Amino acid sequence: MGYVLSVGLEGMKGHRVMVEANVRDEKEACVIIGLPDAPMKESKDRILMVVGG
């Protein structure tokens, strides 16, 4: 499992966010936990494409 620190924006306010990822070879899936906004939900296909090679 790996993680990266990022920033979530709400208007002009920034919030620190920890993003965790666990990449496995067994099956392709992208699970987003929490309350993601629309751009994050739409990025599932892009994430799977990058992780899958």
Protein backbone atom coordinates (compact mmCIF):
# COMPACT_ATOMS: atom_id res chain seq x y z
CA MET A 1 0.00 0.00 0.00
CA GLY A 2 1.27 3.45 -0.82
CA TYR A 3 0.04 6.92 -0.08
CA VAL A 4 0.56 10.51 -1.14
CA LEU A 5 -0.46 13.78 0.50
CA SER A 6 -2.57 16.06 -1.66
CA VAL A 7 -4.87 19.07 -1.37
CA GLY A 8 -8.63 19.16 -1.75
CA LEU A 9 -10.10 22.53 -2.66
CA GLU A 10 -13.36 23.98 -1.41
CA GLY A 11 -13.68 27.41 -2.97
CA MET A 12 -10.49 29.26 -2.01
CA LYS A 13 -9.88 26.99 0.99
CA GLY A 14 -7.44 24.08 0.81
CA HIS A 15 -7.68 20.92 2.90
CA ARG A 16 -4.90 18.35 3.32
CA VAL A 17 -5.93 14.93 2.03
CA MET A 18 -4.12 11.58 2.26
CA VAL A 19 -4.66 9.42 -0.84
CA GLU A 20 -3.96 5.71 -0.37
CA ALA A 21 -3.55 3.15 -3.16
CA ASN A 22 -3.17 -0.59 -3.15
CA VAL A 23 -2.35 -2.10 -6.56
CA ARG A 24 -2.80 -5.84 -7.04
CA ASP A 25 -2.53 -8.11 -10.07
CA GLU A 26 -5.54 -10.29 -9.21
CA LYS A 27 -8.32 -8.09 -10.54
CA GLU A 28 -8.87 -4.68 -12.06
CA ALA A 29 -11.03 -2.48 -9.89
CA CYS A 30 -11.11 1.07 -8.72
CA VAL A 31 -12.87 1.77 -5.45
CA ILE A 32 -13.20 5.37 -4.28
CA ILE A 33 -14.14 5.70 -0.61
CA GLY A 34 -15.55 8.86 0.91
CA LEU A 35 -17.53 11.59 -0.78
CA PRO A 36 -15.76 12.23 -4.10
CA ASP A 37 -17.00 14.98 -6.39
CA ALA A 38 -17.91 14.46 -10.06
CA PRO A 39 -14.39 14.84 -11.59
CA MET A 40 -13.03 12.15 -9.27
CA LYS A 41 -15.87 9.77 -10.12
CA GLU A 42 -15.18 10.33 -13.84
CA SER A 43 -11.47 9.56 -13.40
CA LYS A 44 -11.96 5.84 -12.61
CA ASP A 45 -11.34 4.82 -16.24
CA ARG A 46 -8.18 6.95 -16.45
CA ILE A 47 -6.87 5.48 -13.19
CA LEU A 48 -7.42 1.90 -14.37
CA MET A 49 -5.74 2.65 -17.71
CA VAL A 50 -2.59 4.01 -16.02
CA VAL A 51 -2.37 1.26 -13.40
CA GLY A 52 -3.03 -1.48 -15.96
CA GLY A 53 -0.14 -0.28 -18.14
